[in-house]
Amino acid sequence: MAKKTITYNEAVKEIEEILQNLEEEELDVDQLADKVKRATELIHYCKSKLKNTEAEINKILDTEEKGE
């Protein structure tokens, strides 16, 4: 089964939910490691998405500047 691709906003929302659970101490020890691992994966995804978006925008701007 293929992994569902999530959007940046969905990833941020999930990170926020995990943080809220941590702050409210709603996670037991058995869930803690899994949630921290998931949050780390989501943060990596978000950073990568931001970096790629920045590169795309810079490429567009560079193309526009050269075309003027």
N, C-alpha and C. Protein backbone atom coordinates (compact mmCIF):
# COMPACT_ATOMS: atom_id res chain seq x y z
N MET A 1 0.85 -1.19 0.00
CA MET A 1 0.00 0.00 0.00
C MET A 1 0.88 1.24 0.00
N ALA A 2 0.59 2.17 -0.89
CA ALA A 2 1.39 3.39 -1.00
C ALA A 2 1.03 4.36 0.12
N LYS A 3 2.03 5.13 0.54
CA LYS A 3 1.80 6.15 1.55
C LYS A 3 1.00 7.29 0.96
N LYS A 4 0.05 7.80 1.74
CA LYS A 4 -0.74 8.96 1.30
C LYS A 4 0.14 10.19 1.42
N THR A 5 0.19 10.98 0.36
CA THR A 5 0.93 12.23 0.39
C THR A 5 0.08 13.27 1.11
N ILE A 6 0.69 13.92 2.08
CA ILE A 6 -0.04 14.95 2.81
C ILE A 6 0.43 16.32 2.36
N THR A 7 -0.41 17.30 2.61
CA THR A 7 -0.05 18.67 2.27
C THR A 7 0.77 19.26 3.42
N TYR A 8 1.38 20.39 3.13
CA TYR A 8 2.14 21.11 4.14
C TYR A 8 1.23 21.47 5.32
N ASN A 9 0.05 21.99 5.01
CA ASN A 9 -0.88 22.40 6.08
C ASN A 9 -1.33 21.22 6.93
N GLU A 10 -1.55 20.07 6.31
CA GLU A 10 -1.92 18.88 7.07
C GLU A 10 -0.79 18.45 8.00
N ALA A 11 0.44 18.55 7.50
CA ALA A 11 1.60 18.18 8.32
C ALA A 11 1.73 19.11 9.52
N VAL A 12 1.57 20.41 9.29
CA VAL A 12 1.66 21.39 10.38
C VAL A 12 0.57 21.12 11.41
N LYS A 13 -0.62 20.84 10.94
CA LYS A 13 -1.74 20.57 11.85
C LYS A 13 -1.45 19.34 12.71
N GLU A 14 -0.91 18.30 12.09
CA GLU A 14 -0.58 17.09 12.85
C GLU A 14 0.51 17.35 13.88
N ILE A 15 1.51 18.14 13.50
CA ILE A 15 2.57 18.51 14.45
C ILE A 15 1.97 19.26 15.63
N GLU A 16 1.07 20.19 15.34
CA GLU A 16 0.42 20.96 16.41
C GLU A 16 -0.37 20.06 17.35
N GLU A 17 -1.05 19.06 16.79
CA GLU A 17 -1.83 18.13 17.61
C GLU A 17 -0.90 17.30 18.51
N ILE A 18 0.22 16.87 17.96
CA ILE A 18 1.18 16.10 18.76
C ILE A 18 1.73 16.96 19.88
N LEU A 19 2.08 18.21 19.57
CA LEU A 19 2.59 19.12 20.60
C LEU A 19 1.56 19.37 21.69
N GLN A 20 0.32 19.53 21.29
CA GLN A 20 -0.74 19.75 22.27
C GLN A 20 -0.88 18.54 23.19
N ASN A 21 -0.82 17.35 22.62
CA ASN A 21 -0.89 16.12 23.43
C ASN A 21 0.27 16.03 24.40
N LEU A 22 1.46 16.43 23.94
CA LEU A 22 2.63 16.41 24.81
C LEU A 22 2.48 17.42 25.95
N GLU A 23 2.02 18.62 25.59
CA GLU A 23 1.86 19.67 26.60
C GLU A 23 0.81 19.31 27.63
N GLU A 24 -0.24 18.63 27.20
CA GLU A 24 -1.32 18.26 28.10
C GLU A 24 -1.07 16.90 28.77
N GLU A 25 0.09 16.32 28.47
CA GLU A 25 0.51 15.04 29.03
C GLU A 25 -0.53 13.95 28.79
N GLU A 26 -1.10 13.94 27.59
CA GLU A 26 -2.11 12.95 27.22
C GLU A 26 -1.50 11.67 26.66
N LEU A 27 -0.21 11.65 26.45
CA LEU A 27 0.44 10.47 25.88
C LEU A 27 1.05 9.62 26.97
N ASP A 28 0.87 8.32 26.84
CA ASP A 28 1.56 7.45 27.78
C ASP A 28 2.93 7.09 27.21
N VAL A 29 3.73 6.45 27.99
CA VAL A 29 5.11 6.14 27.60
C VAL A 29 5.16 5.31 26.32
N ASP A 30 4.20 4.42 26.15
CA ASP A 30 4.19 3.57 24.96
C ASP A 30 3.95 4.37 23.68
N GLN A 31 3.21 5.46 23.76
CA GLN A 31 2.92 6.29 22.59
C GLN A 31 3.99 7.35 22.35
N LEU A 32 4.70 7.71 23.37
CA LEU A 32 5.62 8.85 23.32
C LEU A 32 6.65 8.73 22.21
N ALA A 33 7.35 7.61 22.15
CA ALA A 33 8.41 7.44 21.14
C ALA A 33 7.83 7.50 19.73
N ASP A 34 6.68 6.86 19.52
CA ASP A 34 6.06 6.87 18.19
C ASP A 34 5.66 8.29 17.78
N LYS A 35 5.09 9.05 18.70
CA LYS A 35 4.65 10.41 18.39
C LYS A 35 5.84 11.34 18.13
N VAL A 36 6.90 11.18 18.90
CA VAL A 36 8.10 12.00 18.68
C VAL A 36 8.71 11.66 17.32
N LYS A 37 8.74 10.38 16.99
CA LYS A 37 9.26 9.96 15.69
C LYS A 37 8.42 10.54 14.56
N ARG A 38 7.11 10.48 14.70
CA ARG A 38 6.21 11.02 13.68
C ARG A 38 6.39 12.53 13.54
N ALA A 39 6.49 13.23 14.67
CA ALA A 39 6.69 14.67 14.63
C ALA A 39 8.00 15.01 13.92
N THR A 40 9.04 14.25 14.17
CA THR A 40 10.33 14.47 13.52
C THR A 40 10.22 14.28 12.01
N GLU A 41 9.50 13.24 11.59
CA GLU A 41 9.29 13.01 10.16
C GLU A 41 8.52 14.17 9.52
N LEU A 42 7.49 14.64 10.22
CA LEU A 42 6.68 15.74 9.70
C LEU A 42 7.49 17.04 9.61
N ILE A 43 8.31 17.30 10.60
CA ILE A 43 9.15 18.50 10.57
C ILE A 43 10.13 18.43 9.40
N HIS A 44 10.71 17.27 9.19
CA HIS A 44 11.63 17.09 8.06
C HIS A 44 10.89 17.34 6.74
N TYR A 45 9.69 16.81 6.62
CA TYR A 45 8.87 17.01 5.43
C TYR A 45 8.60 18.50 5.20
N CYS A 46 8.21 19.20 6.26
CA CYS A 46 7.89 20.63 6.15
C CYS A 46 9.12 21.44 5.75
N LYS A 47 10.26 21.15 6.37
CA LYS A 47 11.48 21.86 6.01
C LYS A 47 11.84 21.63 4.54
N SER A 48 11.71 20.40 4.10
CA SER A 48 12.01 20.06 2.71
C SER A 48 11.05 20.78 1.76
N LYS A 49 9.78 20.80 2.11
CA LYS A 49 8.78 21.47 1.29
C LYS A 49 9.07 22.97 1.18
N LEU A 50 9.43 23.60 2.31
CA LEU A 50 9.76 25.01 2.31
C LEU A 50 11.00 25.30 1.46
N LYS A 51 12.00 24.45 1.59
CA LYS A 51 13.24 24.63 0.84
C LYS A 51 12.98 24.51 -0.66
N ASN A 52 12.20 23.51 -1.05
CA ASN A 52 11.89 23.32 -2.46
C ASN A 52 11.05 24.47 -3.01
N THR A 53 10.12 24.95 -2.22
CA THR A 53 9.28 26.07 -2.64
C THR A 53 10.13 27.33 -2.81
N GLU A 54 11.04 27.56 -1.88
CA GLU A 54 11.93 28.71 -1.99
C GLU A 54 12.77 28.63 -3.26
N ALA A 55 13.29 27.44 -3.56
CA ALA A 55 14.09 27.27 -4.77
C ALA A 55 13.27 27.54 -6.02
N GLU A 56 12.02 27.07 -6.05
CA GLU A 56 11.15 27.31 -7.19
C GLU A 56 10.87 28.80 -7.37
N ILE A 57 10.59 29.48 -6.27
CA ILE A 57 10.31 30.92 -6.33
C ILE A 57 11.54 31.68 -6.82
N ASN A 58 12.71 31.34 -6.29
CA ASN A 58 13.94 32.00 -6.73
C ASN A 58 14.19 31.77 -8.21
N LYS A 59 13.90 30.57 -8.68
CA LYS A 59 14.07 30.26 -10.11
C LYS A 59 13.14 31.12 -10.95
N ILE A 60 11.89 31.25 -10.51
CA ILE A 60 10.92 32.09 -11.23
C ILE A 60 11.38 33.53 -11.24
N LEU A 61 11.81 34.02 -10.11
CA LEU A 61 12.26 35.42 -10.02
C LEU A 61 13.50 35.67 -10.87
N ASP A 62 14.42 34.71 -10.87
CA ASP A 62 15.62 34.85 -11.69
C ASP A 62 15.25 34.88 -13.18
N THR A 63 14.30 34.05 -13.58
CA THR A 63 13.85 34.02 -14.96
C THR A 63 13.20 35.34 -15.36
N GLU A 64 12.40 35.89 -14.45
CA GLU A 64 11.74 37.17 -14.70
C GLU A 64 12.76 38.29 -14.84
N GLU A 65 13.77 38.30 -13.98
CA GLU A 65 14.79 39.34 -14.02
C GLU A 65 15.57 39.29 -15.34
N LYS A 66 15.86 38.10 -15.82
CA LYS A 66 16.61 37.96 -17.05
C LYS A 66 15.78 38.33 -18.28
N GLY A 67 14.46 38.21 -18.13
CA GLY A 67 13.57 38.52 -19.25
C GLY A 67 13.23 39.99 -19.38
N GLU A 68 13.57 40.77 -18.39
CA GLU A 68 13.24 42.20 -18.43
C GLU A 68 14.13 42.97 -19.35
